[in-house]
Structure formats: C-alpha cells, structure tokens
Amino acid sequence: MKIDKKDRVIISMYAENPDVSQEEIAKKISLSQPSVAMRIKKLKENGAIETQTGINPLKMGLYMAKVDISSNDPAEILRMFKNCPYFANGFSISGKSNLCLFFVSESIATLEAIINGHVRPNKSVTDVDFNIVIATEKDFVVPSILTPEKSEKPPCGILVQCRNCQSFKEDKCLGCPATGTYKGWFY
C-alpha cells in the first residue's frame, strides 16, 4: 500500500490521539470530512491504522517480562503460549535468538516460574535470556483477556497441574487463571 503526505498526517494524528475527530483531521489536512472518512476507511482496511484495546501493564503496577529464546522449533514455543493468559505477544526475530516473548503478571516469581517450568526444560530450547521491563518510552498496550476460558487442562499443554507444581506449592507461582488454581488479584 502506498501512502501520501495526507495519509501520513492522519496516521500520526491517530498515533498521538486515537480519539481524534475526523473534523480535526480534515482541518489539519485541508480536506472535507467525507474525504477524510474515506481515507481512514482505506487506511484501516489496509492495516495502516489499527485500533487495539488492552491494558498498560506498567501503569497498572504489573510486571512485564521480555524473554529472548533460541529454539530449534520456535513454532512449538509460540503454540504452547498461544492461549496462556500471561502471554502478551511473541515475535519471530533474526539474530542469536529467534524468538522474543512478552509475558505480564502481578508477580515476578510467577513470570520466572513460567519460564523455568515451561521454556527452559523444552528440548527445542537452546538458550533463554529472561529480563523484567523497567520502563517504556511510550505507552505500551497489551491486549488482555481478563476472563480466560476455564479448562481442566492448562492452555499451555503442560502435563503437570498447578496444584502439583512445586513452584505453586511454595507460593512462587500464582497458578493458572484458566484452570481455577489461580491465587492472584488480576484475573
């Protein structure tokens, strides 16, 4: 998709204020409101403007982990966390690590338990770098389902139930919100 100068202004105005009015945009780029509406519709259809609702974890007092992973089967790791309530997003990347994953929780110990219990033991994983995000330069919105679908089995597919996990027993992990063994306040 090719964009012109007016499209760039529209995208920038939405980035600064997702609630910006079409009238305000029209004044700025000297077009009629209907013309702006058509441009916005085209930009949205082509993915140049996306609206995402979610939480800003650091503003809410949550912790966010950035985990860089080297894996022989990155698709397997991504599938494992696809429906995990703690999983914010994952990226296939180039370089030494081929995955970058983000997790959010009200407990650093829970984030560590996820990585130590699910990622490090995985046979396809050759290296893990676990870091806690201290601050973000811009607001960082994470789409979050705060009412995960209840399930007997953990969505990550691990065979150990939370109540039988050593980290959970020692209060080093809050448990899984999807299985009903969750001891936190967020989900």
C-alpha atoms as a PDB file:
ATOM      1  CA  MET A   1       0.000   0.000   0.000  1.00  0.00           C
ATOM      2  CA  LYS A   2       1.304   3.424  -0.899  1.00  0.00           C
ATOM      3  CA  ILE A   3       0.526   6.342   1.353  1.00  0.00           C
ATOM      4  CA  ASP A   4       0.824  10.040   0.655  1.00  0.00           C
ATOM      5  CA  LYS A   5       1.591  13.053   2.837  1.00  0.00           C
ATOM      6  CA  LYS A   6      -2.039  13.437   3.952  1.00  0.00           C
ATOM      7  CA  ASP A   7      -2.216   9.739   4.923  1.00  0.00           C
ATOM      8  CA  ARG A   8       0.959  10.191   6.985  1.00  0.00           C
ATOM      9  CA  VAL A   9      -0.642  13.103   8.844  1.00  0.00           C
ATOM     10  CA  ILE A  10      -3.783  11.023   9.507  1.00  0.00           C
ATOM     11  CA  ILE A  11      -1.739   8.078  10.817  1.00  0.00           C
ATOM     12  CA  SER A  12       0.361  10.398  13.002  1.00  0.00           C
ATOM     13  CA  MET A  13      -2.713  12.113  14.429  1.00  0.00           C
ATOM     14  CA  TYR A  14      -4.251   8.734  15.297  1.00  0.00           C
ATOM     15  CA  ALA A  15      -0.973   7.634  16.901  1.00  0.00           C
ATOM     16  CA  GLU A  16      -0.971  10.734  19.093  1.00  0.00           C
ATOM     17  CA  ASN A  17      -4.683  10.548  19.907  1.00  0.00           C
ATOM     18  CA  PRO A  18      -6.775   7.506  18.888  1.00  0.00           C
ATOM     19  CA  ASP A  19      -9.916   9.520  19.676  1.00  0.00           C
ATOM     20  CA  VAL A  20      -9.091  12.353  17.251  1.00  0.00           C
ATOM     21  CA  SER A  21     -12.151  13.523  15.314  1.00  0.00           C
ATOM     22  CA  GLN A  22     -12.439  13.402  11.558  1.00  0.00           C
ATOM     23  CA  GLU A  23     -13.290  17.101  11.626  1.00  0.00           C
ATOM     24  CA  GLU A  24      -9.997  17.884  13.377  1.00  0.00           C
ATOM     25  CA  ILE A  25      -8.084  15.835  10.815  1.00  0.00           C
ATOM     26  CA  ALA A  26      -9.992  17.498   7.945  1.00  0.00           C
ATOM     27  CA  LYS A  27      -8.956  20.957   9.182  1.00  0.00           C
ATOM     28  CA  LYS A  28      -5.323  19.917   9.514  1.00  0.00           C
ATOM     29  CA  ILE A  29      -5.005  18.417   6.010  1.00  0.00           C
ATOM     30  CA  SER A  30      -7.460  20.749   4.215  1.00  0.00           C
ATOM     31  CA  LEU A  31      -9.929  18.081   3.080  1.00  0.00           C
ATOM     32  CA  SER A  32     -13.633  17.615   3.656  1.00  0.00           C
ATOM     33  CA  GLN A  33     -14.780  15.325   6.464  1.00  0.00           C
ATOM     34  CA  PRO A  34     -16.215  12.764   3.982  1.00  0.00           C
ATOM     35  CA  SER A  35     -12.869  12.651   2.146  1.00  0.00           C
ATOM     36  CA  VAL A  36     -11.094  12.077   5.449  1.00  0.00           C
ATOM     37  CA  ALA A  37     -13.583   9.320   6.312  1.00  0.00           C
ATOM     38  CA  MET A  38     -12.817   7.543   3.022  1.00  0.00           C
ATOM     39  CA  ARG A  39      -9.060   7.813   3.616  1.00  0.00           C
ATOM     40  CA  ILE A  40      -9.423   6.471   7.158  1.00  0.00           C
ATOM     41  CA  LYS A  41     -11.541   3.578   5.895  1.00  0.00           C
ATOM     42  CA  LYS A  42      -8.880   2.713   3.281  1.00  0.00           C
ATOM     43  CA  LEU A  43      -6.057   3.018   5.822  1.00  0.00           C
ATOM     44  CA  LYS A  44      -7.890   0.724   8.247  1.00  0.00           C
ATOM     45  CA  GLU A  45      -8.702  -1.855   5.561  1.00  0.00           C
ATOM     46  CA  ASN A  46      -5.026  -1.996   4.589  1.00  0.00           C
ATOM     47  CA  GLY A  47      -3.701  -2.230   8.154  1.00  0.00           C
ATOM     48  CA  ALA A  48      -2.135   1.241   8.230  1.00  0.00           C
ATOM     49  CA  ILE A  49      -4.376   2.184  11.169  1.00  0.00           C
ATOM     50  CA  GLU A  50      -5.183  -0.436  13.782  1.00  0.00           C
ATOM     51  CA  THR A  51      -7.117   0.046  16.971  1.00  0.00           C
ATOM     52  CA  GLN A  52      -6.112  -2.123  19.887  1.00  0.00           C
ATOM     53  CA  THR A  53      -7.763  -2.250  23.266  1.00  0.00           C
ATOM     54  CA  GLY A  54      -5.939  -3.633  26.230  1.00  0.00           C
ATOM     55  CA  ILE A  55      -4.055  -2.706  29.349  1.00  0.00           C
ATOM     56  CA  ASN A  56      -0.921  -0.722  30.012  1.00  0.00           C
ATOM     57  CA  PRO A  57       0.768  -3.227  32.355  1.00  0.00           C
ATOM     58  CA  LEU A  58       3.343  -0.926  33.912  1.00  0.00           C
ATOM     59  CA  LYS A  59       0.748   1.772  34.653  1.00  0.00           C
ATOM     60  CA  MET A  60      -1.365  -0.908  36.357  1.00  0.00           C
ATOM     61  CA  GLY A  61       1.500  -1.979  38.615  1.00  0.00           C
ATOM     62  CA  LEU A  62       2.088  -5.248  36.769  1.00  0.00           C
ATOM     63  CA  TYR A  63       5.414  -6.733  35.742  1.00  0.00           C
ATOM     64  CA  MET A  64       6.338  -7.438  32.160  1.00  0.00           C
ATOM     65  CA  ALA A  65       8.999  -9.951  31.184  1.00  0.00           C
ATOM     66  CA  LYS A  66      10.858  -9.858  27.886  1.00  0.00           C
ATOM     67  CA  VAL A  67      12.197 -13.306  27.110  1.00  0.00           C
ATOM     68  CA  ASP A  68      14.608 -13.913  24.244  1.00  0.00           C
ATOM     69  CA  ILE A  69      14.798 -17.570  23.229  1.00  0.00           C
ATOM     70  CA  SER A  70      16.859 -19.640  20.834  1.00  0.00           C
ATOM     71  CA  SER A  71      14.851 -22.661  19.740  1.00  0.00           C
ATOM     72  CA  ASN A  72      15.082 -25.365  17.099  1.00  0.00           C
ATOM     73  CA  ASP A  73      11.281 -25.250  16.870  1.00  0.00           C
ATOM     74  CA  PRO A  74      10.055 -21.689  17.516  1.00  0.00           C
ATOM     75  CA  ALA A  75       6.562 -22.520  16.231  1.00  0.00           C
ATOM     76  CA  GLU A  76       6.193 -25.095  19.031  1.00  0.00           C
ATOM     77  CA  ILE A  77       7.040 -22.494  21.673  1.00  0.00           C
ATOM     78  CA  LEU A  78       4.587 -19.988  20.195  1.00  0.00           C
ATOM     79  CA  ARG A  79       1.839 -22.639  20.061  1.00  0.00           C
ATOM     80  CA  MET A  80       2.487 -23.515  23.710  1.00  0.00           C
ATOM     81  CA  PHE A  81       1.724 -19.982  24.846  1.00  0.00           C
ATOM     82  CA  LYS A  82      -0.945 -19.018  22.304  1.00  0.00           C
ATOM     83  CA  ASN A  83      -3.790 -19.229  24.856  1.00  0.00           C
ATOM     84  CA  CYS A  84      -1.802 -18.591  28.030  1.00  0.00           C
ATOM     85  CA  PRO A  85      -3.385 -15.700  29.988  1.00  0.00           C
ATOM     86  CA  TYR A  86       0.082 -14.431  30.967  1.00  0.00           C
ATOM     87  CA  PHE A  87       1.332 -14.329  27.356  1.00  0.00           C
ATOM     88  CA  ALA A  88       1.239 -10.805  25.886  1.00  0.00           C
ATOM     89  CA  ASN A  89       2.872 -11.383  22.490  1.00  0.00           C
ATOM     90  CA  GLY A  90       5.596 -13.213  20.661  1.00  0.00           C
ATOM     91  CA  PHE A  91       7.853 -12.276  17.789  1.00  0.00           C
ATOM     92  CA  SER A  92       9.963 -14.392  15.446  1.00  0.00           C
ATOM     93  CA  ILE A  93      13.206 -12.473  15.124  1.00  0.00           C
ATOM     94  CA  SER A  94      16.589 -12.710  13.440  1.00  0.00           C
ATOM     95  CA  GLY A  95      19.889 -12.890  15.260  1.00  0.00           C
ATOM     96  CA  LYS A  96      21.234 -15.079  18.044  1.00  0.00           C
ATOM     97  CA  SER A  97      17.757 -15.578  19.489  1.00  0.00           C
ATOM     98  CA  ASN A  98      14.924 -16.442  17.122  1.00  0.00           C
ATOM     99  CA  LEU A  99      12.030 -15.646  19.469  1.00  0.00           C
ATOM    100  CA  CYS A 100      11.160 -12.672  21.638  1.00  0.00           C
ATOM    101  CA  LEU A 101       8.237 -13.260  24.004  1.00  0.00           C
ATOM    102  CA  PHE A 102       6.465 -10.889  26.381  1.00  0.00           C
ATOM    103  CA  PHE A 103       4.595 -12.031  29.492  1.00  0.00           C
ATOM    104  CA  VAL A 104       2.624  -9.975  32.047  1.00  0.00           C
ATOM    105  CA  SER A 105       1.814 -10.802  35.682  1.00  0.00           C
ATOM    106  CA  GLU A 106       1.424  -9.186  39.063  1.00  0.00           C
ATOM    107  CA  SER A 107       4.269 -11.422  40.276  1.00  0.00           C
ATOM    108  CA  ILE A 108       7.868 -11.642  39.070  1.00  0.00           C
ATOM    109  CA  ALA A 109       8.096 -15.086  40.682  1.00  0.00           C
ATOM    110  CA  THR A 110       5.191 -16.281  38.513  1.00  0.00           C
ATOM    111  CA  LEU A 111       6.937 -14.996  35.391  1.00  0.00           C
ATOM    112  CA  GLU A 112      10.104 -16.840  36.417  1.00  0.00           C
ATOM    113  CA  ALA A 113       8.085 -19.997  37.136  1.00  0.00           C
ATOM    114  CA  ILE A 114       6.572 -19.872  33.645  1.00  0.00           C
ATOM    115  CA  ILE A 115       9.996 -19.629  32.034  1.00  0.00           C
ATOM    116  CA  ASN A 116      11.704 -22.111  34.383  1.00  0.00           C
ATOM    117  CA  GLY A 117       8.823 -24.592  34.227  1.00  0.00           C
ATOM    118  CA  HIS A 118       7.789 -24.354  30.574  1.00  0.00           C
ATOM    119  CA  VAL A 119      10.554 -22.843  28.439  1.00  0.00           C
ATOM    120  CA  ARG A 120      13.909 -23.913  29.904  1.00  0.00           C
ATOM    121  CA  PRO A 121      13.031 -27.650  30.101  1.00  0.00           C
ATOM    122  CA  ASN A 122      11.763 -27.706  26.499  1.00  0.00           C
ATOM    123  CA  LYS A 123      14.090 -29.867  24.381  1.00  0.00           C
ATOM    124  CA  SER A 124      13.872 -27.465  21.427  1.00  0.00           C
ATOM    125  CA  VAL A 125      15.195 -24.548  23.523  1.00  0.00           C
ATOM    126  CA  THR A 126      18.948 -23.956  23.454  1.00  0.00           C
ATOM    127  CA  ASP A 127      19.194 -20.540  25.163  1.00  0.00           C
ATOM    128  CA  VAL A 128      16.976 -18.243  27.259  1.00  0.00           C
ATOM    129  CA  ASP A 129      17.501 -14.636  28.311  1.00  0.00           C
ATOM    130  CA  PHE A 130      14.877 -13.502  30.879  1.00  0.00           C
ATOM    131  CA  ASN A 131      14.503  -9.783  31.666  1.00  0.00           C
ATOM    132  CA  ILE A 132      11.963  -7.644  33.504  1.00  0.00           C
ATOM    133  CA  VAL A 133      10.920  -4.458  31.694  1.00  0.00           C
ATOM    134  CA  ILE A 134      11.590  -1.493  33.982  1.00  0.00           C
ATOM    135  CA  ALA A 135      10.037   1.315  31.917  1.00  0.00           C
ATOM    136  CA  THR A 136       8.690   2.039  28.451  1.00  0.00           C
ATOM    137  CA  GLU A 137       9.402   5.147  26.400  1.00  0.00           C
ATOM    138  CA  LYS A 138       5.862   5.205  25.005  1.00  0.00           C
ATOM    139  CA  ASP A 139       2.630   3.735  26.309  1.00  0.00           C
ATOM    140  CA  PHE A 140       2.616   0.006  25.668  1.00  0.00           C
ATOM    141  CA  VAL A 141      -0.830  -1.541  25.341  1.00  0.00           C
ATOM    142  CA  VAL A 142      -1.215  -5.289  25.742  1.00  0.00           C
ATOM    143  CA  PRO A 143      -4.419  -6.939  24.557  1.00  0.00           C
ATOM    144  CA  SER A 144      -5.601  -8.928  27.538  1.00  0.00           C
ATOM    145  CA  ILE A 145      -8.432 -11.348  28.125  1.00  0.00           C
ATOM    146  CA  LEU A 146      -9.081 -10.956  31.817  1.00  0.00           C
ATOM    147  CA  THR A 147     -11.657 -13.726  31.909  1.00  0.00           C
ATOM    148  CA  PRO A 148      -9.832 -16.701  30.376  1.00  0.00           C
ATOM    149  CA  GLU A 149     -11.927 -19.665  29.339  1.00  0.00           C
ATOM    150  CA  LYS A 150     -11.924 -22.224  32.163  1.00  0.00           C
ATOM    151  CA  SER A 151     -10.352 -25.572  31.413  1.00  0.00           C
ATOM    152  CA  GLU A 152      -9.326 -28.750  33.236  1.00  0.00           C
ATOM    153  CA  LYS A 153      -6.040 -28.743  31.311  1.00  0.00           C
ATOM    154  CA  PRO A 154      -3.691 -25.741  31.279  1.00  0.00           C
ATOM    155  CA  PRO A 155      -3.804 -23.936  27.912  1.00  0.00           C
ATOM    156  CA  CYS A 156      -0.004 -24.295  27.626  1.00  0.00           C
ATOM    157  CA  GLY A 157      -0.416 -28.068  27.341  1.00  0.00           C
ATOM    158  CA  ILE A 158       1.920 -28.877  30.221  1.00  0.00           C
ATOM    159  CA  LEU A 159       1.022 -32.160  31.876  1.00  0.00           C
ATOM    160  CA  VAL A 160       1.611 -31.003  35.466  1.00  0.00           C
ATOM    161  CA  GLN A 161      -1.436 -29.470  37.155  1.00  0.00           C
ATOM    162  CA  CYS A 162      -0.711 -26.266  39.082  1.00  0.00           C
ATOM    163  CA  ARG A 163      -1.685 -27.805  42.431  1.00  0.00           C
ATOM    164  CA  ASN A 164       1.008 -30.471  41.863  1.00  0.00           C
ATOM    165  CA  CYS A 165       3.701 -27.997  40.765  1.00  0.00           C
ATOM    166  CA  GLN A 166       6.478 -27.249  43.268  1.00  0.00           C
ATOM    167  CA  SER A 167       6.516 -23.535  42.387  1.00  0.00           C
ATOM    168  CA  PHE A 168       2.776 -23.289  43.071  1.00  0.00           C
ATOM    169  CA  LYS A 169       3.054 -25.238  46.340  1.00  0.00           C
ATOM    170  CA  GLU A 170       5.855 -22.931  47.525  1.00  0.00           C
ATOM    171  CA  ASP A 171       3.886 -19.787  46.556  1.00  0.00           C
ATOM    172  CA  LYS A 172       6.463 -18.940  43.889  1.00  0.00           C
ATOM    173  CA  CYS A 173       3.755 -19.019  41.218  1.00  0.00           C
ATOM    174  CA  LEU A 174       0.204 -17.703  41.322  1.00  0.00           C
ATOM    175  CA  GLY A 175      -1.086 -20.583  39.203  1.00  0.00           C
ATOM    176  CA  CYS A 176      -3.076 -20.567  36.002  1.00  0.00           C
ATOM    177  CA  PRO A 177      -6.211 -18.405  35.761  1.00  0.00           C
ATOM    178  CA  ALA A 178      -7.649 -20.811  33.164  1.00  0.00           C
ATOM    179  CA  THR A 179      -7.538 -23.880  35.439  1.00  0.00           C
ATOM    180  CA  GLY A 180      -9.081 -22.331  38.544  1.00  0.00           C
ATOM    181  CA  THR A 181      -5.899 -22.701  40.617  1.00  0.00           C
ATOM    182  CA  TYR A 182      -5.079 -19.015  40.461  1.00  0.00           C
ATOM    183  CA  LYS A 183      -4.166 -17.110  43.646  1.00  0.00           C
ATOM    184  CA  GLY A 184      -3.633 -13.618  42.231  1.00  0.00           C
ATOM    185  CA  TRP A 185      -5.727 -10.455  42.011  1.00  0.00           C
ATOM    186  CA  PHE A 186      -5.527  -9.535  38.327  1.00  0.00           C
ATOM    187  CA  TYR A 187      -7.537 -12.244  36.510  1.00  0.00           C
END
